């Protein structure tokens, strides 16, 4: 699998850096000018990073290499502005009141109250991805995504964000999407209050500094949540999910080690987003009427309560999914725990969407 890193600096009044990676295999080169070939857009979850999709893409690309009925041009994975490489580049901006004011205090003690600042929330994540997708060549854009056949994929927060993108104006045309265990609660955000409190507490109690990457890897392998991850996910997290401690260059102290690319404050603030679990539902409802929407859920309810899945699948809601897949082997963190299974499911979904979107042949009289 080949890759190319892309960074867009702040532009058109947008104040943050945007980072992405393009992935493809040589077999896809034959589709470079094919308007029917898919360009995949993938969005990660809270506390993750764009490279977390690599094991899933490897399996998906393997399937596409064997089955020529599905034409994939390339895939683009994007960082949320306070995660991964973007979080590193935006470090100073994220310390300003617009993105940080009282973040830590309110995240700890005012779980259900509105935030007095404007941290990077689901809305801000969607805004960042939108800016990337509509960027012009004047700002170094390599691709005009508005001329591509787009397939969107998002996990957890990324699934919520992908849902919001479907109705942002002017519209970016996605022909189909798959959302993977989205953190949505159609019956109201209060159903996630307990989970939100647990996640915020966990974010602040999590170890976030290690003397080196080797020590960080040993710690992750012992931690209950991360020791369930696929070994390849652990490898890419150590490479891209942590970064040199800021003190190592601000204070010129090389002994301060490494730290999380998404800080604990920023992670906790995202869990507190008051509308993040409900606002995207309206966009998802609209999208379900316009295009094939596939839903993938983890079969183990380790994060999302079962009632939120039931509400999402409620036939009375009017939402009709093109397909629903339950991956029994995984909980909420599907791309991190079973990327090979997910890659095969995503490939099958893309193929289904292609079949559903084929022009209907007129019957011959």
Protein backbone atom coordinates (compact mmCIF):
# COMPACT_ATOMS: atom_id res chain seq x y z
CA UNK A 1 0.00 0.00 0.00
CA UNK A 2 1.40 3.38 -1.04
CA UNK A 3 0.83 6.62 0.80
CA UNK A 4 1.28 10.36 0.44
CA UNK A 5 1.01 12.89 3.29
CA UNK A 6 -0.70 16.22 2.59
CA UNK A 7 -0.83 19.33 4.81
CA UNK A 8 -2.92 22.43 4.14
CA UNK A 9 -1.97 25.57 6.09
CA UNK A 10 -4.64 27.93 7.46
CA UNK A 11 -6.47 29.61 4.56
CA UNK A 12 -9.62 31.53 3.60
CA UNK A 13 -10.06 32.65 7.21
CA UNK A 14 -9.86 29.09 8.53
CA UNK A 15 -7.27 29.26 11.36
CA UNK A 16 -6.06 25.66 11.66
CA UNK A 17 -3.75 23.29 9.82
CA UNK A 18 -5.40 20.33 8.10
CA UNK A 19 -3.53 17.07 7.57
CA UNK A 20 -4.44 14.01 5.51
CA UNK A 21 -2.93 10.96 3.87
CA UNK A 22 -3.71 9.50 0.48
CA UNK A 23 -3.51 5.69 0.15
CA UNK A 24 -3.61 3.47 -2.93
CA UNK A 25 -2.07 0.40 -4.51
CA UNK A 26 -0.45 0.26 -8.00
CA UNK A 27 -3.40 -1.77 -9.34
CA UNK A 28 -5.63 1.29 -8.84
CA UNK A 29 -3.65 3.40 -11.33
CA UNK A 30 -5.81 2.14 -14.18
CA UNK A 31 -8.76 3.98 -12.63
CA UNK A 32 -7.01 7.37 -12.48
CA UNK A 33 -9.34 8.91 -15.09
CA UNK A 34 -12.38 6.70 -14.51
CA UNK A 35 -15.33 8.81 -13.28
CA UNK A 36 -17.01 5.69 -11.90
CA UNK A 37 -14.09 4.76 -9.63
CA UNK A 38 -14.56 5.46 -5.94
CA UNK A 39 -12.54 7.91 -3.87
CA UNK A 40 -12.87 6.93 -0.21
CA UNK A 41 -12.92 9.53 2.59
CA UNK A 42 -12.28 8.09 6.08
CA UNK A 43 -12.74 9.84 9.44
CA UNK A 44 -11.44 8.51 12.76
CA UNK A 45 -12.84 8.46 16.29
CA UNK A 46 -12.03 10.59 19.33
CA UNK A 47 -8.49 10.01 20.69
CA UNK A 48 -7.43 8.28 17.47
CA UNK A 49 -5.72 9.52 14.28
CA UNK A 50 -5.95 9.11 10.51
CA UNK A 51 -3.37 6.30 10.32
CA UNK A 52 -5.60 4.09 12.47
CA UNK A 53 -7.41 3.20 9.23
CA UNK A 54 -4.31 1.62 7.64
CA UNK A 55 -4.92 -2.04 8.64
CA UNK A 56 -8.56 -1.77 7.54
CA UNK A 57 -7.54 -0.25 4.22
CA UNK A 58 -4.95 -2.96 3.62
CA UNK A 59 -7.68 -5.62 3.79
CA UNK A 60 -10.16 -3.53 1.80
CA UNK A 61 -7.54 -2.94 -0.93
CA UNK A 62 -6.69 -6.64 -0.93
CA UNK A 63 -10.35 -7.43 -1.61
CA UNK A 64 -10.48 -4.81 -4.37
CA UNK A 65 -7.34 -6.24 -5.95
CA UNK A 66 -9.03 -9.64 -6.25
CA UNK A 67 -12.52 -8.47 -7.23
CA UNK A 68 -12.36 -6.13 -10.23
CA UNK A 69 -16.09 -5.43 -10.07
CA UNK A 70 -15.36 -2.69 -7.54
CA UNK A 71 -13.20 0.14 -8.85
CA UNK A 72 -11.38 2.14 -6.18
CA UNK A 73 -9.23 5.06 -7.20
CA UNK A 74 -7.72 5.92 -3.81
CA UNK A 75 -8.53 6.57 -0.16
CA UNK A 76 -8.02 9.72 1.90
CA UNK A 77 -7.80 9.59 5.70
CA UNK A 78 -8.04 12.91 7.53
CA UNK A 79 -7.09 14.07 11.01
CA UNK A 80 -9.47 15.93 13.27
CA UNK A 81 -7.75 19.32 13.92
CA UNK A 82 -6.80 18.47 17.53
CA UNK A 83 -5.66 14.91 16.79
CA UNK A 84 -2.62 13.28 15.23
CA UNK A 85 -0.37 15.39 13.03
CA UNK A 86 -2.96 18.17 12.98
CA UNK A 87 -2.96 18.36 16.77
CA UNK A 88 0.81 18.80 16.72
CA UNK A 89 0.73 21.56 14.08
CA UNK A 90 -2.22 23.32 15.75
CA UNK A 91 -0.74 23.12 19.24
CA UNK A 92 -0.43 26.88 19.76
CA UNK A 93 -3.84 27.68 18.27
CA UNK A 94 -5.49 25.04 20.47
CA UNK A 95 -4.12 26.80 23.56
CA UNK A 96 -6.01 30.02 22.72
CA UNK A 97 -9.32 30.85 24.48
CA UNK A 98 -11.33 30.02 21.36
CA UNK A 99 -10.37 26.36 21.64
CA UNK A 100 -9.27 25.89 25.24
CA UNK A 101 -10.78 28.36 27.74
CA UNK A 102 -11.59 26.54 31.01
CA UNK A 103 -11.63 23.29 29.08
CA UNK A 104 -10.11 21.12 31.79
CA UNK A 105 -12.13 22.48 34.73
CA UNK A 106 -15.49 22.28 32.97
CA UNK A 107 -14.79 18.88 31.46
CA UNK A 108 -14.16 17.50 34.94
CA UNK A 109 -16.82 19.19 37.02
CA UNK A 110 -19.61 20.37 34.71
CA UNK A 111 -20.25 17.28 32.61
CA UNK A 112 -23.78 18.18 31.50
CA UNK A 113 -23.39 21.96 31.28
CA UNK A 114 -22.62 23.94 28.10
CA UNK A 115 -18.98 24.80 27.53
CA UNK A 116 -18.06 28.51 27.96
CA UNK A 117 -15.44 28.12 25.21
CA UNK A 118 -15.61 26.63 21.70
CA UNK A 119 -13.37 23.55 21.69
CA UNK A 120 -13.08 21.28 18.69
CA UNK A 121 -16.47 19.55 18.71
CA UNK A 122 -18.29 17.38 16.17
CA UNK A 123 -19.36 20.55 14.31
CA UNK A 124 -15.78 21.82 14.22
CA UNK A 125 -14.53 18.43 13.00
CA UNK A 126 -17.06 18.55 10.15
CA UNK A 127 -16.11 22.15 9.37
CA UNK A 128 -12.43 21.15 9.11
CA UNK A 129 -13.13 18.23 6.77
CA UNK A 130 -15.39 20.44 4.66
CA UNK A 131 -12.60 23.03 4.28
CA UNK A 132 -10.23 20.30 3.17
CA UNK A 133 -12.62 18.86 0.61
CA UNK A 134 -13.44 22.22 -1.00
CA UNK A 135 -9.89 23.66 -0.90
CA UNK A 136 -8.77 25.20 -4.18
CA UNK A 137 -5.49 24.70 -6.09
CA UNK A 138 -4.48 28.19 -4.92
CA UNK A 139 -4.03 26.68 -1.45
CA UNK A 140 -2.10 23.66 -2.62
CA UNK A 141 -5.09 21.37 -3.15
CA UNK A 142 -4.03 18.28 -5.08
CA UNK A 143 -7.54 17.00 -5.73
CA UNK A 144 -10.84 18.56 -6.69
CA UNK A 145 -13.03 16.28 -4.61
CA UNK A 146 -16.17 17.84 -6.05
CA UNK A 147 -15.35 16.07 -9.31
CA UNK A 148 -14.82 12.68 -7.66
CA UNK A 149 -17.22 9.85 -6.92
CA UNK A 150 -17.05 9.91 -3.14
CA UNK A 151 -17.68 7.16 -0.61
CA UNK A 152 -17.57 8.26 3.04
CA UNK A 153 -16.56 6.12 6.01
CA UNK A 154 -16.54 7.25 9.62
CA UNK A 155 -16.14 5.54 12.99
CA UNK A 156 -17.67 6.76 16.27
CA UNK A 157 -17.17 10.55 16.30
CA UNK A 158 -16.05 10.19 12.70
CA UNK A 159 -19.38 8.56 11.89
CA UNK A 160 -21.25 11.48 13.47
CA UNK A 161 -19.08 13.90 11.51
CA UNK A 162 -19.58 12.02 8.24
CA UNK A 163 -23.33 12.25 8.84
CA UNK A 164 -23.11 16.04 9.31
CA UNK A 165 -21.10 16.41 6.11
CA UNK A 166 -24.01 15.04 4.08
CA UNK A 167 -26.09 18.19 4.66
CA UNK A 168 -23.49 20.97 4.86
CA UNK A 169 -24.04 23.68 2.26
CA UNK A 170 -23.06 24.03 -0.49
CA UNK A 171 -23.32 20.26 -0.68
CA UNK A 172 -20.36 17.99 -1.27
CA UNK A 173 -21.78 15.04 -3.16
CA UNK A 174 -21.16 11.70 -1.46
CA UNK A 175 -22.80 8.89 -3.43
CA UNK A 176 -22.85 6.58 -0.39
CA UNK A 177 -21.43 6.23 3.13
CA UNK A 178 -20.82 3.67 5.87
CA UNK A 179 -20.92 4.74 9.50
CA UNK A 180 -19.25 2.42 11.98
CA UNK A 181 -20.72 2.29 15.51
CA UNK A 182 -21.46 6.03 15.53
CA UNK A 183 -21.77 7.77 18.87
CA UNK A 184 -25.35 8.76 18.13
CA UNK A 185 -28.33 8.79 20.47
CA UNK A 186 -31.53 9.47 18.52
CA UNK A 187 -33.64 9.37 21.71
CA UNK A 188 -31.67 12.18 23.36
CA UNK A 189 -28.16 12.95 24.60
CA UNK A 190 -29.12 12.11 28.20
CA UNK A 191 -28.88 8.42 27.31
CA UNK A 192 -25.11 8.90 26.97
CA UNK A 193 -24.56 10.90 30.17
CA UNK A 194 -23.20 7.91 32.07
CA UNK A 195 -20.89 6.93 29.22
CA UNK A 196 -19.78 10.54 28.80
CA UNK A 197 -18.86 10.78 32.49
CA UNK A 198 -16.87 7.53 32.27
CA UNK A 199 -15.01 8.67 29.14
CA UNK A 200 -14.15 12.07 30.60
CA UNK A 201 -12.90 10.52 33.82
CA UNK A 202 -10.87 8.02 31.83
CA UNK A 203 -9.36 10.73 29.66
CA UNK A 204 -8.05 12.60 32.71
CA UNK A 205 -6.85 9.53 34.55
CA UNK A 206 -5.07 8.11 31.53
CA UNK A 207 -1.31 8.19 31.55
CA UNK A 208 -0.18 10.69 28.93
CA UNK A 209 3.61 10.92 29.30
CA UNK A 210 6.24 8.21 28.82
CA UNK A 211 10.04 8.43 28.70
CA UNK A 212 10.09 6.86 25.21
CA UNK A 213 7.98 4.99 22.67
CA UNK A 214 9.18 1.57 23.81
CA UNK A 215 7.90 2.23 27.32
CA UNK A 216 4.65 3.61 25.90
CA UNK A 217 4.11 0.41 23.91
CA UNK A 218 4.64 -1.75 27.00
CA UNK A 219 2.09 0.34 28.90
CA UNK A 220 -0.51 0.09 26.13
CA UNK A 221 -0.18 -3.69 25.98
CA UNK A 222 -1.03 -3.87 29.70
CA UNK A 223 -3.97 -1.44 29.62
CA UNK A 224 -7.36 -3.19 29.54
CA UNK A 225 -8.79 -1.11 26.71
CA UNK A 226 -5.77 -1.02 24.42
CA UNK A 227 -4.54 -4.57 24.93
CA UNK A 228 -7.60 -5.67 22.91
CA UNK A 229 -6.36 -3.73 19.89
CA UNK A 230 -4.97 -5.45 16.82
CA UNK A 231 -1.13 -5.46 17.08
CA UNK A 232 -0.88 -3.35 13.91
CA UNK A 233 -3.08 -0.70 15.51
CA UNK A 234 -0.75 -0.55 18.50
CA UNK A 235 2.18 -0.05 16.14
CA UNK A 236 0.59 2.83 14.24
CA UNK A 237 -0.60 4.44 17.48
CA UNK A 238 2.92 4.44 18.87
CA UNK A 239 4.12 6.00 15.63
CA UNK A 240 1.33 8.53 15.06
CA UNK A 241 -0.88 8.71 18.15
CA UNK A 242 1.88 9.99 20.39
CA UNK A 243 4.46 12.70 19.74
CA UNK A 244 7.52 14.31 21.34
CA UNK A 245 6.60 16.05 24.57
CA UNK A 246 6.31 19.82 23.87
CA UNK A 247 8.79 20.53 26.62
CA UNK A 248 11.43 18.62 24.69
CA UNK A 249 11.68 21.49 22.20
CA UNK A 250 10.15 24.48 24.02
CA UNK A 251 12.41 23.86 27.02
CA UNK A 252 15.11 22.14 24.94
CA UNK A 253 14.93 19.21 27.32
CA UNK A 254 15.27 15.92 25.41
CA UNK A 255 14.49 13.88 28.54
CA UNK A 256 10.82 14.81 28.75
CA UNK A 257 9.90 11.92 26.46
CA UNK A 258 6.67 11.52 24.50
CA UNK A 259 3.03 12.38 25.07
CA UNK A 260 -0.42 11.94 23.50
CA UNK A 261 -0.95 13.68 20.15
CA UNK A 262 -4.51 14.49 21.27
CA UNK A 263 -4.19 16.02 24.74
CA UNK A 264 -6.35 14.86 27.62
CA UNK A 265 -8.05 18.26 27.78
CA UNK A 266 -8.98 18.20 24.11
CA UNK A 267 -10.24 14.62 24.30
CA UNK A 268 -12.40 15.35 27.34
CA UNK A 269 -13.86 18.47 25.71
CA UNK A 270 -14.98 16.46 22.69
CA UNK A 271 -16.84 13.98 24.90
CA UNK A 272 -18.74 16.90 26.39
CA UNK A 273 -20.07 18.20 23.10
CA UNK A 274 -23.74 18.83 24.07
CA UNK A 275 -25.15 18.27 20.56
CA UNK A 276 -22.56 15.87 19.18
CA UNK A 277 -24.72 12.78 19.76
CA UNK A 278 -28.02 14.24 18.54
CA UNK A 279 -27.51 16.92 15.89
CA UNK A 280 -26.01 14.51 13.30
CA UNK A 281 -29.14 12.32 13.54
CA UNK A 282 -31.13 14.90 11.55
CA UNK A 283 -28.47 14.89 8.84
CA UNK A 284 -28.41 11.10 8.84
CA UNK A 285 -32.20 10.96 8.44
CA UNK A 286 -31.97 13.22 5.38
CA UNK A 287 -29.07 11.23 3.92
CA UNK A 288 -30.98 7.94 4.33
CA UNK A 289 -33.64 9.33 1.97
CA UNK A 290 -31.08 10.43 -0.62
CA UNK A 291 -28.46 7.67 -0.94
CA UNK A 292 -27.40 4.23 0.30
CA UNK A 293 -26.32 4.50 3.94
CA UNK A 294 -24.71 1.43 5.50
CA UNK A 295 -24.50 0.88 9.26
CA UNK A 296 -21.89 -1.27 11.00
CA UNK A 297 -22.24 -1.94 14.74
CA UNK A 298 -20.13 -3.75 17.30
CA UNK A 299 -21.92 -6.69 18.87
CA UNK A 300 -20.44 -6.13 22.34
CA UNK A 301 -21.96 -3.21 24.24
CA UNK A 302 -18.80 -2.10 26.01
CA UNK A 303 -19.26 1.61 25.25
CA UNK A 304 -22.54 2.40 23.53
CA UNK A 305 -25.62 1.26 25.49
CA UNK A 306 -27.79 -1.28 23.69
CA UNK A 307 -30.74 1.11 23.82
CA UNK A 308 -28.90 3.63 21.64
CA UNK A 309 -28.35 0.97 18.97
CA UNK A 310 -32.00 0.00 19.23
CA UNK A 311 -33.05 3.64 18.82
CA UNK A 312 -30.81 3.99 15.78
CA UNK A 313 -32.41 0.92 14.18
CA UNK A 314 -35.98 1.80 15.21
CA UNK A 315 -38.17 1.28 12.14
CA UNK A 316 -40.62 3.88 13.44
CA UNK A 317 -37.94 6.55 13.01
CA UNK A 318 -38.20 6.40 9.23
CA UNK A 319 -34.48 5.72 8.87
CA UNK A 320 -33.86 2.99 6.34
CA UNK A 321 -30.31 1.70 5.98
CA UNK A 322 -29.07 0.05 2.81
CA UNK A 323 -27.55 -2.62 5.07
CA UNK A 324 -26.89 -3.23 8.74
CA UNK A 325 -23.97 -5.40 9.84
CA UNK A 326 -23.35 -6.51 13.42
CA UNK A 327 -19.73 -7.54 14.06
CA UNK A 328 -20.14 -9.87 17.01
CA UNK A 329 -16.39 -10.19 17.64
CA UNK A 330 -15.97 -6.51 18.53
CA UNK A 331 -17.24 -3.79 20.79
CA UNK A 332 -17.38 -0.10 19.92
CA UNK A 333 -13.76 0.13 18.73
CA UNK A 334 -14.31 -1.91 15.57
CA UNK A 335 -11.47 -0.48 13.41
CA UNK A 336 -9.01 -0.92 16.26
CA UNK A 337 -10.01 -4.42 17.33
CA UNK A 338 -10.99 -6.24 14.11
CA UNK A 339 -9.69 -4.20 11.14
CA UNK A 340 -9.56 -7.20 8.79
CA UNK A 341 -13.22 -8.06 9.36
CA UNK A 342 -14.17 -4.41 8.96
CA UNK A 343 -12.18 -4.11 5.72
CA UNK A 344 -14.15 -7.00 4.22
CA UNK A 345 -17.46 -5.53 5.41
CA UNK A 346 -16.60 -2.12 3.93
CA UNK A 347 -15.66 -3.69 0.61
CA UNK A 348 -18.97 -5.55 0.53
CA UNK A 349 -20.82 -2.31 1.32
CA UNK A 350 -19.07 -0.42 -1.47
CA UNK A 351 -19.98 -3.19 -3.90
CA UNK A 352 -23.62 -3.11 -2.72
CA UNK A 353 -23.77 0.65 -3.18
CA UNK A 354 -22.33 0.37 -6.68
CA UNK A 355 -25.00 -2.17 -7.60
CA UNK A 356 -27.77 -0.06 -6.05
CA UNK A 357 -26.66 3.05 -7.92
CA UNK A 358 -26.40 1.45 -11.36
CA UNK A 359 -28.84 3.00 -13.85
CA UNK A 360 -31.93 0.85 -14.19
CA UNK A 361 -32.12 -0.73 -17.61
CA UNK A 362 -35.34 0.10 -19.37
CA UNK A 363 -37.36 -2.95 -20.19
CA UNK A 364 -37.62 -3.70 -23.90
CA UNK A 365 -41.13 -3.73 -25.26
